[in-house]
Amino acid sequence: MPLNPAHIEIGADLEAVARRAAEWILAHVRASQGRFAISLSGGSTPRRLYQLLAEPPLREALPWPRMHWFWGDERFVPWDHEDSNYGMVRKAMLAHVPVPPQNVHAIATSGDPETAARAYERVLKSYYGADRLDPARPLFDIQLLGLGADGHTASLLPGTSVLDERERWVAAVVQGRPQARITLTYPALASSRYTAFLVAGADKREALARVLSGDRTLPAGRLKPQGELYWFVDEQARPAV
């Protein structure tokens, strides 16, 4: 299995993957100075990771006042909806930790998707302090991503026009799923010092094998992070060598 210049770690199960990813995040935050930006993944796979960050000993070890939280994508539903990525992260982590409210940069889901996408792009540019991304100065310190069985990541869905977007940082996705979504585009997702995919479950094995082999027909396979790339994978998702 040809491997990209990436670090791949295999855990026995989702619990092991979540614990290793939590340790990895802590190590990078501790090695940093000043504000630290993490862009979060939605879905069920990272939930346990977020819970661990909100539990001892990590809760006490993390410098919450200088950590900023963003989202790689969001379903266009109210924050209290069961499908909301923000809602999931809040229940799992943010409601249980001393994070300053101004450090939580959730994707607003009021109005219409296009307006919401442009509003979140303004949020990102305000935090970044510029209107154009500089490869020498990443937007995020850590980008957490998942992998769908169809090869999607964030809400970069197969067959949608957002896959060709290279100017905007955030876009609305109104095709491919019953609910509209807001997603960061490839330029914004790639602008990170460290990128980590969390992949668990046998249903992800084929997509993971294809992405690791360099298959660029899958949305996740087209992402080329500027910084270091990590894969945290459980045994069920581990492709055959």
C-alpha atoms as a PDB file:
ATOM      1  CA  MET A   1       0.000   0.000   0.000  1.00  0.00           C
ATOM      2  CA  PRO A   2       1.860   3.137  -1.105  1.00  0.00           C
ATOM      3  CA  LEU A   3       1.733   5.731   1.631  1.00  0.00           C
ATOM      4  CA  ASN A   4       1.709   9.474   1.165  1.00  0.00           C
ATOM      5  CA  PRO A   5       4.164  11.437   3.316  1.00  0.00           C
ATOM      6  CA  ALA A   6       1.892  10.830   6.271  1.00  0.00           C
ATOM      7  CA  HIS A   7       1.974   9.352   9.739  1.00  0.00           C
ATOM      8  CA  ILE A   8      -0.400   6.408  10.140  1.00  0.00           C
ATOM      9  CA  GLU A   9      -1.242   4.980  13.542  1.00  0.00           C
ATOM     10  CA  ILE A  10      -3.487   1.979  14.087  1.00  0.00           C
ATOM     11  CA  GLY A  11      -5.527   1.551  17.267  1.00  0.00           C
ATOM     12  CA  ALA A  12      -7.329  -1.552  18.429  1.00  0.00           C
ATOM     13  CA  ASP A  13     -10.708   0.184  18.440  1.00  0.00           C
ATOM     14  CA  LEU A  14     -12.361   3.586  18.443  1.00  0.00           C
ATOM     15  CA  GLU A  15     -11.530   4.124  22.119  1.00  0.00           C
ATOM     16  CA  ALA A  16      -7.836   3.567  21.449  1.00  0.00           C
ATOM     17  CA  VAL A  17      -7.934   5.856  18.414  1.00  0.00           C
ATOM     18  CA  ALA A  18      -9.651   8.608  20.403  1.00  0.00           C
ATOM     19  CA  ARG A  19      -7.171   8.350  23.273  1.00  0.00           C
ATOM     20  CA  ARG A  20      -4.173   8.495  20.960  1.00  0.00           C
ATOM     21  CA  ALA A  21      -5.611  11.489  19.097  1.00  0.00           C
ATOM     22  CA  ALA A  22      -6.281  13.259  22.409  1.00  0.00           C
ATOM     23  CA  GLU A  23      -2.667  12.740  23.497  1.00  0.00           C
ATOM     24  CA  TRP A  24      -1.493  14.000  20.107  1.00  0.00           C
ATOM     25  CA  ILE A  25      -3.547  17.189  20.423  1.00  0.00           C
ATOM     26  CA  LEU A  26      -2.263  17.827  23.940  1.00  0.00           C
ATOM     27  CA  ALA A  27       1.344  17.420  22.832  1.00  0.00           C
ATOM     28  CA  HIS A  28       0.975  19.941  20.016  1.00  0.00           C
ATOM     29  CA  VAL A  29      -0.864  22.478  22.149  1.00  0.00           C
ATOM     30  CA  ARG A  30       1.752  22.218  24.899  1.00  0.00           C
ATOM     31  CA  ALA A  31       4.529  22.741  22.353  1.00  0.00           C
ATOM     32  CA  SER A  32       2.907  25.965  21.117  1.00  0.00           C
ATOM     33  CA  GLN A  33       2.780  29.527  22.320  1.00  0.00           C
ATOM     34  CA  GLY A  34       0.014  32.062  21.884  1.00  0.00           C
ATOM     35  CA  ARG A  35      -3.406  31.306  20.473  1.00  0.00           C
ATOM     36  CA  PHE A  36      -4.014  27.828  19.066  1.00  0.00           C
ATOM     37  CA  ALA A  37      -6.732  27.139  16.478  1.00  0.00           C
ATOM     38  CA  ILE A  38      -8.377  23.747  16.010  1.00  0.00           C
ATOM     39  CA  SER A  39     -10.918  23.058  13.266  1.00  0.00           C
ATOM     40  CA  LEU A  40     -13.262  20.263  14.291  1.00  0.00           C
ATOM     41  CA  SER A  41     -14.882  17.384  12.467  1.00  0.00           C
ATOM     42  CA  GLY A  42     -18.491  16.392  12.969  1.00  0.00           C
ATOM     43  CA  GLY A  43     -20.046  12.950  12.829  1.00  0.00           C
ATOM     44  CA  SER A  44     -19.967  10.102  15.316  1.00  0.00           C
ATOM     45  CA  THR A  45     -16.296   9.070  15.078  1.00  0.00           C
ATOM     46  CA  PRO A  46     -14.700  12.073  16.883  1.00  0.00           C
ATOM     47  CA  ARG A  47     -17.308  12.303  19.664  1.00  0.00           C
ATOM     48  CA  ARG A  48     -15.290  10.148  22.043  1.00  0.00           C
ATOM     49  CA  LEU A  49     -12.196  12.277  21.371  1.00  0.00           C
ATOM     50  CA  TYR A  50     -14.089  15.408  22.399  1.00  0.00           C
ATOM     51  CA  GLN A  51     -15.361  13.706  25.537  1.00  0.00           C
ATOM     52  CA  LEU A  52     -11.820  12.757  26.512  1.00  0.00           C
ATOM     53  CA  LEU A  53     -10.606  16.326  26.080  1.00  0.00           C
ATOM     54  CA  ALA A  54     -13.304  17.417  28.546  1.00  0.00           C
ATOM     55  CA  GLU A  55     -12.411  14.786  31.163  1.00  0.00           C
ATOM     56  CA  PRO A  56      -9.526  14.594  33.652  1.00  0.00           C
ATOM     57  CA  PRO A  57      -6.590  14.597  33.176  1.00  0.00           C
ATOM     58  CA  LEU A  58      -6.832  16.382  29.801  1.00  0.00           C
ATOM     59  CA  ARG A  59      -9.374  18.915  30.986  1.00  0.00           C
ATOM     60  CA  GLU A  60      -6.878  20.236  33.515  1.00  0.00           C
ATOM     61  CA  ALA A  61      -3.881  19.945  31.195  1.00  0.00           C
ATOM     62  CA  LEU A  62      -5.176  21.953  28.237  1.00  0.00           C
ATOM     63  CA  PRO A  63      -4.759  25.774  28.109  1.00  0.00           C
ATOM     64  CA  TRP A  64      -8.396  26.532  27.279  1.00  0.00           C
ATOM     65  CA  PRO A  65      -8.094  30.356  27.387  1.00  0.00           C
ATOM     66  CA  ARG A  66      -5.750  30.397  24.365  1.00  0.00           C
ATOM     67  CA  MET A  67      -7.458  27.668  22.332  1.00  0.00           C
ATOM     68  CA  HIS A  68      -9.882  28.631  19.549  1.00  0.00           C
ATOM     69  CA  TRP A  69     -12.426  26.223  18.074  1.00  0.00           C
ATOM     70  CA  PHE A  70     -13.719  26.205  14.516  1.00  0.00           C
ATOM     71  CA  TRP A  71     -15.726  23.740  12.406  1.00  0.00           C
ATOM     72  CA  GLY A  72     -14.793  22.136   9.101  1.00  0.00           C
ATOM     73  CA  ASP A  73     -18.449  21.794   8.171  1.00  0.00           C
ATOM     74  CA  GLU A  74     -21.963  22.033   9.543  1.00  0.00           C
ATOM     75  CA  ARG A  75     -25.382  20.756   8.634  1.00  0.00           C
ATOM     76  CA  PHE A  76     -27.792  23.617   8.018  1.00  0.00           C
ATOM     77  CA  VAL A  77     -29.962  22.903  11.044  1.00  0.00           C
ATOM     78  CA  PRO A  78     -30.474  24.750  14.358  1.00  0.00           C
ATOM     79  CA  TRP A  79     -27.686  24.275  16.889  1.00  0.00           C
ATOM     80  CA  ASP A  80     -30.008  22.342  19.188  1.00  0.00           C
ATOM     81  CA  HIS A  81     -30.918  19.887  16.411  1.00  0.00           C
ATOM     82  CA  GLU A  82     -29.674  16.318  16.855  1.00  0.00           C
ATOM     83  CA  ASP A  83     -27.759  16.544  13.556  1.00  0.00           C
ATOM     84  CA  SER A  84     -25.863  19.727  14.438  1.00  0.00           C
ATOM     85  CA  ASN A  85     -22.090  19.319  14.536  1.00  0.00           C
ATOM     86  CA  TYR A  86     -21.829  22.281  16.885  1.00  0.00           C
ATOM     87  CA  GLY A  87     -24.486  20.765  19.125  1.00  0.00           C
ATOM     88  CA  MET A  88     -22.611  17.462  19.283  1.00  0.00           C
ATOM     89  CA  VAL A  89     -19.322  19.143  20.195  1.00  0.00           C
ATOM     90  CA  ARG A  90     -20.996  21.313  22.799  1.00  0.00           C
ATOM     91  CA  LYS A  91     -22.603  18.341  24.517  1.00  0.00           C
ATOM     92  CA  ALA A  92     -19.445  16.244  24.341  1.00  0.00           C
ATOM     93  CA  MET A  93     -16.868  18.894  25.260  1.00  0.00           C
ATOM     94  CA  LEU A  94     -17.531  22.630  25.218  1.00  0.00           C
ATOM     95  CA  ALA A  95     -20.232  22.644  27.883  1.00  0.00           C
ATOM     96  CA  HIS A  96     -17.827  20.979  30.320  1.00  0.00           C
ATOM     97  CA  VAL A  97     -14.644  23.001  29.942  1.00  0.00           C
ATOM     98  CA  PRO A  98     -13.527  26.565  30.807  1.00  0.00           C
ATOM     99  CA  VAL A  99     -13.392  27.821  27.232  1.00  0.00           C
ATOM    100  CA  PRO A 100     -14.026  31.558  26.771  1.00  0.00           C
ATOM    101  CA  PRO A 101     -17.213  32.059  24.695  1.00  0.00           C
ATOM    102  CA  GLN A 102     -15.366  34.340  22.287  1.00  0.00           C
ATOM    103  CA  ASN A 103     -13.013  31.439  21.444  1.00  0.00           C
ATOM    104  CA  VAL A 104     -15.854  29.305  20.053  1.00  0.00           C
ATOM    105  CA  HIS A 105     -16.411  30.088  16.377  1.00  0.00           C
ATOM    106  CA  ALA A 106     -19.435  28.031  15.393  1.00  0.00           C
ATOM    107  CA  ILE A 107     -21.034  28.173  11.955  1.00  0.00           C
ATOM    108  CA  ALA A 108     -24.265  30.152  12.155  1.00  0.00           C
ATOM    109  CA  THR A 109     -27.219  28.347  10.571  1.00  0.00           C
ATOM    110  CA  SER A 110     -29.806  31.111  10.342  1.00  0.00           C
ATOM    111  CA  GLY A 111     -31.048  32.713   7.158  1.00  0.00           C
ATOM    112  CA  ASP A 112     -30.032  30.843   4.005  1.00  0.00           C
ATOM    113  CA  PRO A 113     -26.992  28.588   3.366  1.00  0.00           C
ATOM    114  CA  GLU A 114     -25.220  30.932   0.957  1.00  0.00           C
ATOM    115  CA  THR A 115     -25.458  33.858   3.367  1.00  0.00           C
ATOM    116  CA  ALA A 116     -24.262  31.646   6.209  1.00  0.00           C
ATOM    117  CA  ALA A 117     -21.282  30.469   4.167  1.00  0.00           C
ATOM    118  CA  ARG A 118     -20.201  34.024   3.379  1.00  0.00           C
ATOM    119  CA  ALA A 119     -20.630  35.000   7.033  1.00  0.00           C
ATOM    120  CA  TYR A 120     -18.381  32.175   8.209  1.00  0.00           C
ATOM    121  CA  GLU A 121     -15.772  33.075   5.630  1.00  0.00           C
ATOM    122  CA  ARG A 122     -15.709  36.550   7.181  1.00  0.00           C
ATOM    123  CA  VAL A 123     -15.230  34.951  10.616  1.00  0.00           C
ATOM    124  CA  LEU A 124     -12.235  32.993   9.347  1.00  0.00           C
ATOM    125  CA  LYS A 125     -10.679  35.989   7.605  1.00  0.00           C
ATOM    126  CA  SER A 126     -11.135  38.150  10.683  1.00  0.00           C
ATOM    127  CA  TYR A 127      -9.365  35.571  12.838  1.00  0.00           C
ATOM    128  CA  TYR A 128      -6.639  35.101  10.244  1.00  0.00           C
ATOM    129  CA  GLY A 129      -6.165  38.827   9.737  1.00  0.00           C
ATOM    130  CA  ALA A 130      -6.030  38.728   5.938  1.00  0.00           C
ATOM    131  CA  ASP A 131      -8.220  38.079   2.900  1.00  0.00           C
ATOM    132  CA  ARG A 132      -5.812  35.645   1.239  1.00  0.00           C
ATOM    133  CA  LEU A 133      -4.184  32.545   2.663  1.00  0.00           C
ATOM    134  CA  ASP A 134      -0.409  32.535   2.896  1.00  0.00           C
ATOM    135  CA  PRO A 135       1.134  29.032   2.636  1.00  0.00           C
ATOM    136  CA  ALA A 136       3.784  30.156   5.117  1.00  0.00           C
ATOM    137  CA  ARG A 137       1.150  31.068   7.726  1.00  0.00           C
ATOM    138  CA  PRO A 138      -1.527  28.387   8.150  1.00  0.00           C
ATOM    139  CA  LEU A 139      -5.064  29.302   9.150  1.00  0.00           C
ATOM    140  CA  PHE A 140      -5.318  26.467  11.684  1.00  0.00           C
ATOM    141  CA  ASP A 141      -2.857  24.749  13.963  1.00  0.00           C
ATOM    142  CA  ILE A 142      -4.818  21.484  13.817  1.00  0.00           C
ATOM    143  CA  GLN A 143      -7.438  20.356  11.305  1.00  0.00           C
ATOM    144  CA  LEU A 144      -9.463  17.314  12.369  1.00  0.00           C
ATOM    145  CA  LEU A 145     -11.246  15.440   9.589  1.00  0.00           C
ATOM    146  CA  GLY A 146     -13.324  12.331   9.083  1.00  0.00           C
ATOM    147  CA  LEU A 147     -13.721  10.030   6.116  1.00  0.00           C
ATOM    148  CA  GLY A 148     -17.041   8.868   4.741  1.00  0.00           C
ATOM    149  CA  ALA A 149     -17.575   5.461   3.166  1.00  0.00           C
ATOM    150  CA  ASP A 150     -18.101   7.343  -0.121  1.00  0.00           C
ATOM    151  CA  GLY A 151     -14.762   9.105   0.290  1.00  0.00           C
ATOM    152  CA  HIS A 152     -16.097  12.495   1.377  1.00  0.00           C
ATOM    153  CA  THR A 153     -14.465  14.634   4.044  1.00  0.00           C
ATOM    154  CA  ALA A 154     -15.989  17.668   5.767  1.00  0.00           C
ATOM    155  CA  SER A 155     -18.925  18.279   3.390  1.00  0.00           C
ATOM    156  CA  LEU A 156     -16.887  17.925   0.224  1.00  0.00           C
ATOM    157  CA  LEU A 157     -19.301  15.421  -1.282  1.00  0.00           C
ATOM    158  CA  PRO A 158     -18.746  13.369  -4.446  1.00  0.00           C
ATOM    159  CA  GLY A 159     -20.188  14.937  -7.572  1.00  0.00           C
ATOM    160  CA  THR A 160     -20.782  18.412  -6.105  1.00  0.00           C
ATOM    161  CA  SER A 161     -19.515  21.685  -7.535  1.00  0.00           C
ATOM    162  CA  VAL A 162     -17.761  22.636  -4.295  1.00  0.00           C
ATOM    163  CA  LEU A 163     -14.974  20.220  -5.237  1.00  0.00           C
ATOM    164  CA  ASP A 164     -13.832  22.718  -7.874  1.00  0.00           C
ATOM    165  CA  GLU A 165     -13.886  25.786  -5.622  1.00  0.00           C
ATOM    166  CA  ARG A 166     -10.425  27.278  -5.155  1.00  0.00           C
ATOM    167  CA  GLU A 167     -11.091  30.944  -4.308  1.00  0.00           C
ATOM    168  CA  ARG A 168     -13.644  30.919  -1.514  1.00  0.00           C
ATOM    169  CA  TRP A 169     -12.784  29.557   1.925  1.00  0.00           C
ATOM    170  CA  VAL A 170     -16.335  28.487   2.770  1.00  0.00           C
ATOM    171  CA  ALA A 171     -19.184  27.318   0.556  1.00  0.00           C
ATOM    172  CA  ALA A 172     -22.780  26.162   0.780  1.00  0.00           C
ATOM    173  CA  VAL A 173     -23.511  22.601  -0.364  1.00  0.00           C
ATOM    174  CA  VAL A 174     -27.133  22.125  -1.370  1.00  0.00           C
ATOM    175  CA  GLN A 175     -26.733  18.910  -3.371  1.00  0.00           C
ATOM    176  CA  GLY A 176     -25.904  15.359  -2.422  1.00  0.00           C
ATOM    177  CA  ARG A 177     -27.638  15.201   0.971  1.00  0.00           C
ATOM    178  CA  PRO A 178     -31.195  15.831   2.236  1.00  0.00           C
ATOM    179  CA  GLN A 179     -29.933  18.716   4.396  1.00  0.00           C
ATOM    180  CA  ALA A 180     -27.989  21.664   3.053  1.00  0.00           C
ATOM    181  CA  ARG A 181     -24.504  22.012   4.500  1.00  0.00           C
ATOM    182  CA  ILE A 182     -21.817  24.610   5.008  1.00  0.00           C
ATOM    183  CA  THR A 183     -18.257  23.443   4.399  1.00  0.00           C
ATOM    184  CA  LEU A 184     -14.748  24.740   4.325  1.00  0.00           C
ATOM    185  CA  THR A 185     -13.276  24.368   0.847  1.00  0.00           C
ATOM    186  CA  TYR A 186      -9.977  22.745  -0.093  1.00  0.00           C
ATOM    187  CA  PRO A 187      -7.892  25.937   0.330  1.00  0.00           C
ATOM    188  CA  ALA A 188      -9.102  26.472   3.906  1.00  0.00           C
ATOM    189  CA  LEU A 189      -8.970  22.792   4.877  1.00  0.00           C
ATOM    190  CA  ALA A 190      -5.424  22.503   3.567  1.00  0.00           C
ATOM    191  CA  SER A 191      -4.205  25.558   5.481  1.00  0.00           C
ATOM    192  CA  SER A 192      -3.150  23.830   8.695  1.00  0.00           C
ATOM    193  CA  ARG A 193       0.106  22.985  10.455  1.00  0.00           C
ATOM    194  CA  TYR A 194      -1.173  19.526  11.311  1.00  0.00           C
ATOM    195  CA  THR A 195      -4.048  17.608   9.737  1.00  0.00           C
ATOM    196  CA  ALA A 196      -5.485  14.455  11.276  1.00  0.00           C
ATOM    197  CA  PHE A 197      -8.056  12.056   9.870  1.00  0.00           C
ATOM    198  CA  LEU A 198      -9.907   9.892  12.395  1.00  0.00           C
ATOM    199  CA  VAL A 199     -11.230   6.768  10.693  1.00  0.00           C
ATOM    200  CA  ALA A 200     -13.106   3.924  12.362  1.00  0.00           C
ATOM    201  CA  GLY A 201     -15.324   1.087  11.157  1.00  0.00           C
ATOM    202  CA  ALA A 202     -15.175  -1.603   8.500  1.00  0.00           C
ATOM    203  CA  ASP A 203     -17.384   0.457   6.193  1.00  0.00           C
ATOM    204  CA  LYS A 204     -14.505   2.952   5.791  1.00  0.00           C
ATOM    205  CA  ARG A 205     -11.877   0.363   4.824  1.00  0.00           C
ATOM    206  CA  GLU A 206     -12.293   0.560   1.053  1.00  0.00           C
ATOM    207  CA  ALA A 207     -12.365   4.356   0.942  1.00  0.00           C
ATOM    208  CA  LEU A 208      -9.331   4.570   3.208  1.00  0.00           C
ATOM    209  CA  ALA A 209      -7.367   2.134   1.051  1.00  0.00           C
ATOM    210  CA  ARG A 210      -8.175   4.158  -2.045  1.00  0.00           C
ATOM    211  CA  VAL A 211      -7.208   7.484  -0.486  1.00  0.00           C
ATOM    212  CA  LEU A 212      -3.928   6.115   0.881  1.00  0.00           C
ATOM    213  CA  SER A 213      -3.099   4.665  -2.519  1.00  0.00           C
ATOM    214  CA  GLY A 214      -3.413   8.140  -4.033  1.00  0.00           C
ATOM    215  CA  ASP A 215      -6.879   7.858  -5.602  1.00  0.00           C
ATOM    216  CA  ARG A 216      -7.833  11.448  -6.392  1.00  0.00           C
ATOM    217  CA  THR A 217     -11.306  10.544  -7.629  1.00  0.00           C
ATOM    218  CA  LEU A 218     -12.466  10.584  -4.005  1.00  0.00           C
ATOM    219  CA  PRO A 219     -12.931  14.001  -2.369  1.00  0.00           C
ATOM    220  CA  ALA A 220     -10.659  13.130   0.569  1.00  0.00           C
ATOM    221  CA  GLY A 221      -7.978  12.037  -1.880  1.00  0.00           C
ATOM    222  CA  ARG A 222      -7.833  15.516  -3.409  1.00  0.00           C
ATOM    223  CA  LEU A 223      -6.917  17.238  -0.159  1.00  0.00           C
ATOM    224  CA  LYS A 224      -3.245  18.185  -0.019  1.00  0.00           C
ATOM    225  CA  PRO A 225      -2.517  19.552   3.461  1.00  0.00           C
ATOM    226  CA  GLN A 226       0.235  22.127   3.674  1.00  0.00           C
ATOM    227  CA  GLY A 227       1.533  20.736   6.956  1.00  0.00           C
ATOM    228  CA  GLU A 228       2.013  17.284   8.409  1.00  0.00           C
ATOM    229  CA  LEU A 229      -0.669  14.672   7.785  1.00  0.00           C
ATOM    230  CA  TYR A 230      -1.714  12.034  10.323  1.00  0.00           C
ATOM    231  CA  TRP A 231      -4.154   9.137  10.098  1.00  0.00           C
ATOM    232  CA  PHE A 232      -5.585   7.646  13.296  1.00  0.00           C
ATOM    233  CA  VAL A 233      -7.272   4.414  12.241  1.00  0.00           C
ATOM    234  CA  ASP A 234      -8.916   1.525  14.074  1.00  0.00           C
ATOM    235  CA  GLU A 235      -8.357  -2.141  13.208  1.00  0.00           C
ATOM    236  CA  GLN A 236     -11.738  -2.490  11.508  1.00  0.00           C
ATOM    237  CA  ALA A 237     -10.920   0.281   9.047  1.00  0.00           C
ATOM    238  CA  ARG A 238      -7.340  -0.812   8.481  1.00  0.00           C
ATOM    239  CA  PRO A 239      -6.854  -1.730   4.814  1.00  0.00           C
ATOM    240  CA  ALA A 240      -5.204  -5.013   3.906  1.00  0.00           C
ATOM    241  CA  VAL A 241      -1.555  -4.523   3.022  1.00  0.00           C
END
